[in-house]
Amino acid sequence: MPQVDIYTEPGPIPDGVQLRVYSNPICPYVQRVRLFAAAKGVRTEEINIHLKIKPDWYVTKINPEGKGKVPAIQLLDGRVINESLVAAEYVDEAFGGKKLWPTDPYERAQARLTVDSFGNRFTPNFYKNYRDQESNDHNVELGKYIQTLEEKLKAGGGPFFGGAEANAVDYLIWPWFERLETVQTIKPKISEAVNKDKFPLVFSWIDRMKENEAVKQSFLPTENHLAFLKTYLSGNHDYGTVDLTGEGVRMYTKKE
C-alpha cells in the first residue's frame, strides 16, 4: 500500500504518551532513539517526517536548530531535543528502569569511546558502498574495524557488548548491522571483508539482537530495506515500501 501523505501539523501530544518522536521508519539514526525508548518501556508517539519533502512547520518551528533533520524528540512541555546520541541519552536519563549506559564511570567512558569510534570508522566506510567507489579500501577498513568489535565481544565475555544483556552500545550500533545484509546484496564485495567465517562472535551477536524485544519493535526485514533503497537511489523516496501493516505509512510532508 502506498504511503499516506499528511500536510497539516500534528496537534497536542495525546494523553498517555510520554514522548513524541519525530521520526522516519527507514532512518538508522531515528532507530537509535526508538530502541532506547522500547528498551525502557517509554510510551511514544511517532510522527514520520518525509526526508526529501519536509513540511515547513517541522523545519522552521520544531527543529530549526537541526535544520529539519530527524530524529528530534518533543517533551510534554513542548521542548525539543535533536541529534540521535543526545536524544537517546536523554531517554535513558529521564525515564525509569534499568540504565542502558553503564553506571560505572570507567565502563561508561569505554562504552562512549566504542560508539564514537563506530561513528568515525564504521559508518563512513559503510556508506561508501552506496557511491560506486572504484577502490575497495573502504571495505578493508570495515573489516579492520569489525575485528575490533570481535575482540571487544571476546574480551567482555558477550554475548552482547553490555555483557549478558544489551546496553547502550548494542542499541546505538545495531541499526547499521540491520542494514548490513542489504548492502551486501547491492555490493557483494563487502562480504569478502565482512562475513561470518571471519567474525563469528559479531555475527552471533547479530542473530541474538534480532531476537531482542526492543529490536523487534523497530526491525525492518532486508527485503523492505532493499525495496526502499532502490527508490532512494532513483530519487523517489517511496516510504510505502516499508509498510509492514498493510495500512500505509503515515508521512508528514510538504504540499507541493
C-alpha atoms as a PDB file:
ATOM      1  CA  MET A   1       0.000   0.000   0.000  1.00  0.00           C
ATOM      2  CA  PRO A   2       1.381   3.492  -0.788  1.00  0.00           C
ATOM      3  CA  GLN A   3       2.291   5.961   1.915  1.00  0.00           C
ATOM      4  CA  VAL A   4      -0.457   8.147   3.356  1.00  0.00           C
ATOM      5  CA  ASP A   5       0.545  11.814   2.968  1.00  0.00           C
ATOM      6  CA  ILE A   6      -0.373  14.282   5.716  1.00  0.00           C
ATOM      7  CA  TYR A   7       0.108  18.022   5.188  1.00  0.00           C
ATOM      8  CA  THR A   8      -1.104  19.590   8.436  1.00  0.00           C
ATOM      9  CA  GLU A   9       0.914  19.994  11.630  1.00  0.00           C
ATOM     10  CA  PRO A  10       0.027  17.411  14.319  1.00  0.00           C
ATOM     11  CA  GLY A  11      -1.983  18.537  17.312  1.00  0.00           C
ATOM     12  CA  PRO A  12      -1.096  18.238  21.008  1.00  0.00           C
ATOM     13  CA  ILE A  13       0.664  15.139  22.277  1.00  0.00           C
ATOM     14  CA  PRO A  14      -2.053  12.606  23.145  1.00  0.00           C
ATOM     15  CA  ASP A  15      -2.814  11.620  26.741  1.00  0.00           C
ATOM     16  CA  GLY A  16      -0.824   8.611  27.905  1.00  0.00           C
ATOM     17  CA  VAL A  17       2.126   9.363  25.625  1.00  0.00           C
ATOM     18  CA  GLN A  18       5.394  10.143  27.412  1.00  0.00           C
ATOM     19  CA  LEU A  19       7.393  11.386  24.458  1.00  0.00           C
ATOM     20  CA  ARG A  20       6.800  12.468  20.870  1.00  0.00           C
ATOM     21  CA  VAL A  21       9.438  11.251  18.409  1.00  0.00           C
ATOM     22  CA  TYR A  22       9.827  12.986  15.063  1.00  0.00           C
ATOM     23  CA  SER A  23      10.839  10.000  13.118  1.00  0.00           C
ATOM     24  CA  ASN A  24      11.169   8.125   9.876  1.00  0.00           C
ATOM     25  CA  PRO A  25      10.798   4.337   9.657  1.00  0.00           C
ATOM     26  CA  ILE A  26      13.851   3.858   7.435  1.00  0.00           C
ATOM     27  CA  CYS A  27      16.300   6.156   9.235  1.00  0.00           C
ATOM     28  CA  PRO A  28      19.012   4.382  11.311  1.00  0.00           C
ATOM     29  CA  TYR A  29      19.618   7.470  13.461  1.00  0.00           C
ATOM     30  CA  VAL A  30      15.951   7.597  14.440  1.00  0.00           C
ATOM     31  CA  GLN A  31      16.058   3.889  15.179  1.00  0.00           C
ATOM     32  CA  ARG A  32      18.598   4.583  17.908  1.00  0.00           C
ATOM     33  CA  VAL A  33      16.052   6.631  19.825  1.00  0.00           C
ATOM     34  CA  ARG A  34      13.253   4.172  19.126  1.00  0.00           C
ATOM     35  CA  LEU A  35      15.410   1.339  20.503  1.00  0.00           C
ATOM     36  CA  PHE A  36      16.194   3.222  23.704  1.00  0.00           C
ATOM     37  CA  ALA A  37      12.530   4.064  24.215  1.00  0.00           C
ATOM     38  CA  ALA A  38      11.422   0.495  23.569  1.00  0.00           C
ATOM     39  CA  ALA A  39      14.106  -0.971  25.850  1.00  0.00           C
ATOM     40  CA  LYS A  40      12.971   1.290  28.705  1.00  0.00           C
ATOM     41  CA  GLY A  41       9.244   0.898  28.070  1.00  0.00           C
ATOM     42  CA  VAL A  42       8.674   4.575  27.249  1.00  0.00           C
ATOM     43  CA  ARG A  43       5.332   5.230  25.543  1.00  0.00           C
ATOM     44  CA  THR A  44       5.974   7.260  22.399  1.00  0.00           C
ATOM     45  CA  GLU A  45       4.055   8.851  19.563  1.00  0.00           C
ATOM     46  CA  GLU A  46       5.886   8.713  16.253  1.00  0.00           C
ATOM     47  CA  ILE A  47       5.482  11.496  13.721  1.00  0.00           C
ATOM     48  CA  ASN A  48       7.060  10.360  10.464  1.00  0.00           C
ATOM     49  CA  ILE A  49       8.707  13.159   8.506  1.00  0.00           C
ATOM     50  CA  HIS A  50       9.264  12.840   4.759  1.00  0.00           C
ATOM     51  CA  LEU A  51      13.029  13.218   4.498  1.00  0.00           C
ATOM     52  CA  LYS A  52      13.040  14.631   0.972  1.00  0.00           C
ATOM     53  CA  ILE A  53       9.983  16.897   1.178  1.00  0.00           C
ATOM     54  CA  LYS A  54       9.941  18.081   4.791  1.00  0.00           C
ATOM     55  CA  PRO A  55       6.959  20.126   5.962  1.00  0.00           C
ATOM     56  CA  ASP A  56       7.748  23.791   6.618  1.00  0.00           C
ATOM     57  CA  TRP A  57       6.353  23.675  10.160  1.00  0.00           C
ATOM     58  CA  TYR A  58       8.885  20.990  11.103  1.00  0.00           C
ATOM     59  CA  VAL A  59      11.916  22.743   9.635  1.00  0.00           C
ATOM     60  CA  THR A  60      11.083  26.237  10.905  1.00  0.00           C
ATOM     61  CA  LYS A  61       9.203  25.566  14.161  1.00  0.00           C
ATOM     62  CA  ILE A  62      10.060  22.179  15.623  1.00  0.00           C
ATOM     63  CA  ASN A  63      13.681  21.573  14.630  1.00  0.00           C
ATOM     64  CA  PRO A  64      15.261  24.661  13.074  1.00  0.00           C
ATOM     65  CA  GLU A  65      18.467  24.123  15.046  1.00  0.00           C
ATOM     66  CA  GLY A  66      18.848  20.689  13.486  1.00  0.00           C
ATOM     67  CA  LYS A  67      17.847  22.054  10.056  1.00  0.00           C
ATOM     68  CA  GLY A  68      14.865  19.737   9.923  1.00  0.00           C
ATOM     69  CA  LYS A  69      16.781  16.514  10.427  1.00  0.00           C
ATOM     70  CA  VAL A  70      15.405  13.518  12.282  1.00  0.00           C
ATOM     71  CA  PRO A  71      15.327  12.377  14.964  1.00  0.00           C
ATOM     72  CA  ALA A  72      14.010  15.035  17.272  1.00  0.00           C
ATOM     73  CA  ILE A  73      12.104  14.327  20.457  1.00  0.00           C
ATOM     74  CA  GLN A  74       9.474  16.611  21.937  1.00  0.00           C
ATOM     75  CA  LEU A  75       8.828  16.634  25.664  1.00  0.00           C
ATOM     76  CA  LEU A  76       5.381  17.053  27.144  1.00  0.00           C
ATOM     77  CA  ASP A  77       6.142  20.719  27.876  1.00  0.00           C
ATOM     78  CA  GLY A  78       6.972  21.343  24.203  1.00  0.00           C
ATOM     79  CA  ARG A  79      10.749  21.498  24.462  1.00  0.00           C
ATOM     80  CA  VAL A  80      12.673  19.707  21.696  1.00  0.00           C
ATOM     81  CA  ILE A  81      15.952  17.775  21.698  1.00  0.00           C
ATOM     82  CA  ASN A  82      17.635  16.773  18.449  1.00  0.00           C
ATOM     83  CA  GLU A  83      20.643  14.609  17.445  1.00  0.00           C
ATOM     84  CA  SER A  84      20.341  10.851  17.920  1.00  0.00           C
ATOM     85  CA  LEU A  85      23.019  10.355  20.584  1.00  0.00           C
ATOM     86  CA  VAL A  86      21.826  13.281  22.689  1.00  0.00           C
ATOM     87  CA  ALA A  87      18.155  12.330  22.371  1.00  0.00           C
ATOM     88  CA  ALA A  88      18.867   8.695  23.226  1.00  0.00           C
ATOM     89  CA  GLU A  89      20.884   9.721  26.274  1.00  0.00           C
ATOM     90  CA  TYR A  90      18.018  11.933  27.430  1.00  0.00           C
ATOM     91  CA  VAL A  91      15.625   8.984  27.187  1.00  0.00           C
ATOM     92  CA  ASP A  92      17.995   6.875  29.277  1.00  0.00           C
ATOM     93  CA  GLU A  93      18.398   9.540  31.964  1.00  0.00           C
ATOM     94  CA  ALA A  94      14.857  10.921  32.114  1.00  0.00           C
ATOM     95  CA  PHE A  95      12.866   7.713  32.413  1.00  0.00           C
ATOM     96  CA  GLY A  96      12.864   4.905  34.935  1.00  0.00           C
ATOM     97  CA  GLY A  97      14.036   1.353  34.597  1.00  0.00           C
ATOM     98  CA  LYS A  98      17.499  -0.081  34.109  1.00  0.00           C
ATOM     99  CA  LYS A  99      20.051   2.381  32.768  1.00  0.00           C
ATOM    100  CA  LEU A 100      21.328   1.487  29.311  1.00  0.00           C
ATOM    101  CA  TRP A 101      24.606   3.333  29.689  1.00  0.00           C
ATOM    102  CA  PRO A 102      26.929   1.668  32.234  1.00  0.00           C
ATOM    103  CA  THR A 103      26.713   3.322  35.643  1.00  0.00           C
ATOM    104  CA  ASP A 104      30.398   2.779  36.423  1.00  0.00           C
ATOM    105  CA  PRO A 105      32.265   5.903  35.177  1.00  0.00           C
ATOM    106  CA  TYR A 106      35.155   3.979  33.594  1.00  0.00           C
ATOM    107  CA  GLU A 107      32.881   1.450  31.877  1.00  0.00           C
ATOM    108  CA  ARG A 108      30.664   4.284  30.653  1.00  0.00           C
ATOM    109  CA  ALA A 109      33.688   6.092  29.228  1.00  0.00           C
ATOM    110  CA  GLN A 110      34.789   2.949  27.396  1.00  0.00           C
ATOM    111  CA  ALA A 111      31.275   2.459  26.029  1.00  0.00           C
ATOM    112  CA  ARG A 112      31.215   6.037  24.750  1.00  0.00           C
ATOM    113  CA  LEU A 113      34.581   5.519  23.056  1.00  0.00           C
ATOM    114  CA  THR A 114      33.214   2.440  21.274  1.00  0.00           C
ATOM    115  CA  VAL A 115      30.223   4.380  19.962  1.00  0.00           C
ATOM    116  CA  ASP A 116      32.467   7.292  18.960  1.00  0.00           C
ATOM    117  CA  SER A 117      34.884   5.064  17.036  1.00  0.00           C
ATOM    118  CA  PHE A 118      31.924   3.364  15.360  1.00  0.00           C
ATOM    119  CA  GLY A 119      30.759   6.726  14.030  1.00  0.00           C
ATOM    120  CA  ASN A 120      34.245   7.636  12.851  1.00  0.00           C
ATOM    121  CA  ARG A 121      35.364   4.324  11.366  1.00  0.00           C
ATOM    122  CA  PHE A 122      32.334   2.203  10.519  1.00  0.00           C
ATOM    123  CA  THR A 123      29.544   4.410   9.213  1.00  0.00           C
ATOM    124  CA  PRO A 124      31.607   6.498   6.709  1.00  0.00           C
ATOM    125  CA  ASN A 125      33.044   3.370   5.094  1.00  0.00           C
ATOM    126  CA  PHE A 126      29.673   1.611   5.232  1.00  0.00           C
ATOM    127  CA  TYR A 127      28.005   4.361   3.205  1.00  0.00           C
ATOM    128  CA  LYS A 128      30.761   4.433   0.577  1.00  0.00           C
ATOM    129  CA  ASN A 129      29.204   1.224  -0.722  1.00  0.00           C
ATOM    130  CA  TYR A 130      26.277   3.325  -1.967  1.00  0.00           C
ATOM    131  CA  ARG A 131      28.515   5.583  -4.011  1.00  0.00           C
ATOM    132  CA  ASP A 132      30.130   3.208  -6.511  1.00  0.00           C
ATOM    133  CA  GLN A 133      33.642   3.775  -5.207  1.00  0.00           C
ATOM    134  CA  GLU A 134      36.286   2.427  -7.578  1.00  0.00           C
ATOM    135  CA  SER A 135      38.535   1.446  -4.655  1.00  0.00           C
ATOM    136  CA  ASN A 136      37.677  -1.371  -2.264  1.00  0.00           C
ATOM    137  CA  ASP A 137      39.702   0.247   0.525  1.00  0.00           C
ATOM    138  CA  HIS A 138      36.555   1.182   2.439  1.00  0.00           C
ATOM    139  CA  ASN A 139      35.571  -2.467   2.799  1.00  0.00           C
ATOM    140  CA  VAL A 140      39.061  -3.342   4.024  1.00  0.00           C
ATOM    141  CA  GLU A 141      38.671  -0.619   6.651  1.00  0.00           C
ATOM    142  CA  LEU A 142      35.271  -2.020   7.616  1.00  0.00           C
ATOM    143  CA  GLY A 143      36.868  -5.409   8.153  1.00  0.00           C
ATOM    144  CA  LYS A 144      39.588  -3.890  10.327  1.00  0.00           C
ATOM    145  CA  TYR A 145      37.046  -2.104  12.471  1.00  0.00           C
ATOM    146  CA  ILE A 146      34.762  -5.101  12.865  1.00  0.00           C
ATOM    147  CA  GLN A 147      37.808  -7.026  14.043  1.00  0.00           C
ATOM    148  CA  THR A 148      37.973  -4.597  16.964  1.00  0.00           C
ATOM    149  CA  LEU A 149      34.308  -5.341  17.733  1.00  0.00           C
ATOM    150  CA  GLU A 150      35.057  -9.070  17.576  1.00  0.00           C
ATOM    151  CA  GLU A 151      37.823  -8.568  20.125  1.00  0.00           C
ATOM    152  CA  LYS A 152      35.598  -6.478  22.401  1.00  0.00           C
ATOM    153  CA  LEU A 153      32.944  -9.197  22.437  1.00  0.00           C
ATOM    154  CA  LYS A 154      35.577 -11.826  23.220  1.00  0.00           C
ATOM    155  CA  ALA A 155      37.168  -9.752  25.992  1.00  0.00           C
ATOM    156  CA  GLY A 156      33.797  -8.884  27.544  1.00  0.00           C
ATOM    157  CA  GLY A 157      32.529 -12.429  27.509  1.00  0.00           C
ATOM    158  CA  GLY A 158      29.460 -11.437  25.489  1.00  0.00           C
ATOM    159  CA  PRO A 159      27.102 -12.280  24.074  1.00  0.00           C
ATOM    160  CA  PHE A 160      26.362  -8.531  23.972  1.00  0.00           C
ATOM    161  CA  PHE A 161      28.621  -5.528  24.252  1.00  0.00           C
ATOM    162  CA  GLY A 162      26.780  -4.903  27.501  1.00  0.00           C
ATOM    163  CA  GLY A 163      27.643  -8.402  28.737  1.00  0.00           C
ATOM    164  CA  ALA A 164      24.716 -10.684  29.482  1.00  0.00           C
ATOM    165  CA  GLU A 165      22.184  -8.083  28.286  1.00  0.00           C
ATOM    166  CA  ALA A 166      22.119  -5.468  25.530  1.00  0.00           C
ATOM    167  CA  ASN A 167      23.120  -1.989  26.623  1.00  0.00           C
ATOM    168  CA  ALA A 168      23.623   1.438  25.042  1.00  0.00           C
ATOM    169  CA  VAL A 169      26.453   0.278  22.761  1.00  0.00           C
ATOM    170  CA  ASP A 170      24.388  -2.596  21.365  1.00  0.00           C
ATOM    171  CA  TYR A 171      21.410  -0.382  20.604  1.00  0.00           C
ATOM    172  CA  LEU A 172      23.402   2.546  19.197  1.00  0.00           C
ATOM    173  CA  ILE A 173      25.329   0.487  16.631  1.00  0.00           C
ATOM    174  CA  TRP A 174      22.594  -2.042  15.806  1.00  0.00           C
ATOM    175  CA  PRO A 175      20.732  -0.065  13.095  1.00  0.00           C
ATOM    176  CA  TRP A 176      23.656  -0.350  10.662  1.00  0.00           C
ATOM    177  CA  PHE A 177      24.017  -4.070  11.228  1.00  0.00           C
ATOM    178  CA  GLU A 178      20.302  -4.445  10.494  1.00  0.00           C
ATOM    179  CA  ARG A 179      21.137  -2.893   7.111  1.00  0.00           C
ATOM    180  CA  LEU A 180      24.312  -4.907   6.505  1.00  0.00           C
ATOM    181  CA  GLU A 181      22.605  -7.660   4.511  1.00  0.00           C
ATOM    182  CA  THR A 182      21.013  -5.001   2.295  1.00  0.00           C
ATOM    183  CA  VAL A 183      24.419  -3.508   1.494  1.00  0.00           C
ATOM    184  CA  GLN A 184      25.855  -6.974   0.902  1.00  0.00           C
ATOM    185  CA  THR A 185      23.074  -7.535  -1.637  1.00  0.00           C
ATOM    186  CA  ILE A 186      23.799  -4.409  -3.663  1.00  0.00           C
ATOM    187  CA  LYS A 187      27.576  -4.547  -3.198  1.00  0.00           C
ATOM    188  CA  PRO A 188      28.580  -8.215  -2.775  1.00  0.00           C
ATOM    189  CA  LYS A 189      32.282  -7.385  -2.457  1.00  0.00           C
ATOM    190  CA  ILE A 190      31.684  -6.229   1.100  1.00  0.00           C
ATOM    191  CA  SER A 191      31.240  -9.886   2.060  1.00  0.00           C
ATOM    192  CA  GLU A 192      34.882 -10.553   1.204  1.00  0.00           C
ATOM    193  CA  ALA A 193      35.853  -8.350   4.135  1.00  0.00           C
ATOM    194  CA  VAL A 194      32.857  -8.822   6.433  1.00  0.00           C
ATOM    195  CA  ASN A 195      31.439 -12.301   6.864  1.00  0.00           C
ATOM    196  CA  LYS A 196      30.539 -14.923   9.456  1.00  0.00           C
ATOM    197  CA  ASP A 197      33.691 -17.004   8.937  1.00  0.00           C
ATOM    198  CA  LYS A 198      35.936 -14.073   9.846  1.00  0.00           C
ATOM    199  CA  PHE A 199      33.828 -12.664  12.661  1.00  0.00           C
ATOM    200  CA  PRO A 200      31.778 -15.439  14.311  1.00  0.00           C
ATOM    201  CA  LEU A 201      31.156 -13.506  17.536  1.00  0.00           C
ATOM    202  CA  VAL A 202      29.876 -10.412  15.717  1.00  0.00           C
ATOM    203  CA  PHE A 203      27.552 -12.475  13.553  1.00  0.00           C
ATOM    204  CA  SER A 204      26.343 -14.437  16.577  1.00  0.00           C
ATOM    205  CA  TRP A 205      25.634 -11.045  18.179  1.00  0.00           C
ATOM    206  CA  ILE A 206      23.626 -10.055  15.091  1.00  0.00           C
ATOM    207  CA  ASP A 207      21.488 -13.182  15.453  1.00  0.00           C
ATOM    208  CA  ARG A 208      20.914 -12.507  19.160  1.00  0.00           C
ATOM    209  CA  MET A 209      19.999  -8.882  18.543  1.00  0.00           C
ATOM    210  CA  LYS A 210      17.318  -9.963  16.084  1.00  0.00           C
ATOM    211  CA  GLU A 211      15.661 -11.790  18.994  1.00  0.00           C
ATOM    212  CA  ASN A 212      15.848  -8.766  21.295  1.00  0.00           C
ATOM    213  CA  GLU A 213      12.376  -7.453  22.167  1.00  0.00           C
ATOM    214  CA  ALA A 214      13.297  -3.784  21.677  1.00  0.00           C
ATOM    215  CA  VAL A 215      14.861  -4.552  18.298  1.00  0.00           C
ATOM    216  CA  LYS A 216      11.753  -6.421  17.188  1.00  0.00           C
ATOM    217  CA  GLN A 217       9.649  -3.275  17.673  1.00  0.00           C
ATOM    218  CA  SER A 218      11.565  -1.294  15.021  1.00  0.00           C
ATOM    219  CA  PHE A 219      13.012  -4.090  12.864  1.00  0.00           C
ATOM    220  CA  LEU A 220      12.552  -3.998   9.102  1.00  0.00           C
ATOM    221  CA  PRO A 221      13.357  -7.107   7.030  1.00  0.00           C
ATOM    222  CA  THR A 222      16.097  -6.906   4.417  1.00  0.00           C
ATOM    223  CA  GLU A 223      13.575  -7.007   1.580  1.00  0.00           C
ATOM    224  CA  ASN A 224      11.949  -3.805   2.865  1.00  0.00           C
ATOM    225  CA  HIS A 225      15.275  -2.048   3.283  1.00  0.00           C
ATOM    226  CA  LEU A 226      16.280  -3.127  -0.199  1.00  0.00           C
ATOM    227  CA  ALA A 227      12.985  -2.043  -1.750  1.00  0.00           C
ATOM    228  CA  PHE A 228      13.300   1.405  -0.211  1.00  0.00           C
ATOM    229  CA  LEU A 229      16.970   1.719  -1.157  1.00  0.00           C
ATOM    230  CA  LYS A 230      16.091   1.161  -4.811  1.00  0.00           C
ATOM    231  CA  THR A 231      13.592   4.033  -4.697  1.00  0.00           C
ATOM    232  CA  TYR A 232      16.053   6.184  -2.732  1.00  0.00           C
ATOM    233  CA  LEU A 233      18.792   5.741  -5.324  1.00  0.00           C
ATOM    234  CA  SER A 234      16.310   6.721  -8.040  1.00  0.00           C
ATOM    235  CA  GLY A 235      15.293   9.844  -6.087  1.00  0.00           C
ATOM    236  CA  ASN A 236      11.719   8.713  -5.397  1.00  0.00           C
ATOM    237  CA  HIS A 237      11.853   8.007  -1.621  1.00  0.00           C
ATOM    238  CA  ASP A 238       8.878   5.622  -1.621  1.00  0.00           C
ATOM    239  CA  TYR A 239       8.209   5.029   2.082  1.00  0.00           C
ATOM    240  CA  GLY A 240       5.308   2.760   1.165  1.00  0.00           C
ATOM    241  CA  THR A 241       7.913   0.020   0.678  1.00  0.00           C
ATOM    242  CA  VAL A 242       8.495  -0.148   4.449  1.00  0.00           C
ATOM    243  CA  ASP A 243       4.818  -0.675   5.317  1.00  0.00           C
ATOM    244  CA  LEU A 244       4.515  -3.890   7.339  1.00  0.00           C
ATOM    245  CA  THR A 245       0.900  -3.405   8.398  1.00  0.00           C
ATOM    246  CA  GLY A 246      -0.879  -3.103   5.070  1.00  0.00           C
ATOM    247  CA  GLU A 247      -2.381   0.185   6.267  1.00  0.00           C
ATOM    248  CA  GLY A 248       0.173   2.507   4.661  1.00  0.00           C
ATOM    249  CA  VAL A 249       2.893   4.599   6.293  1.00  0.00           C
ATOM    250  CA  ARG A 250       1.566   7.933   7.585  1.00  0.00           C
ATOM    251  CA  MET A 251       4.076  10.513   6.382  1.00  0.00           C
ATOM    252  CA  TYR A 252       4.065  14.225   7.183  1.00  0.00           C
ATOM    253  CA  THR A 253       5.229  16.038   4.064  1.00  0.00           C
ATOM    254  CA  LYS A 254       5.196  19.398   2.321  1.00  0.00           C
ATOM    255  CA  LYS A 255       2.356  20.018  -0.086  1.00  0.00           C
ATOM    256  CA  GLU A 256       3.903  20.852  -3.460  1.00  0.00           C
END
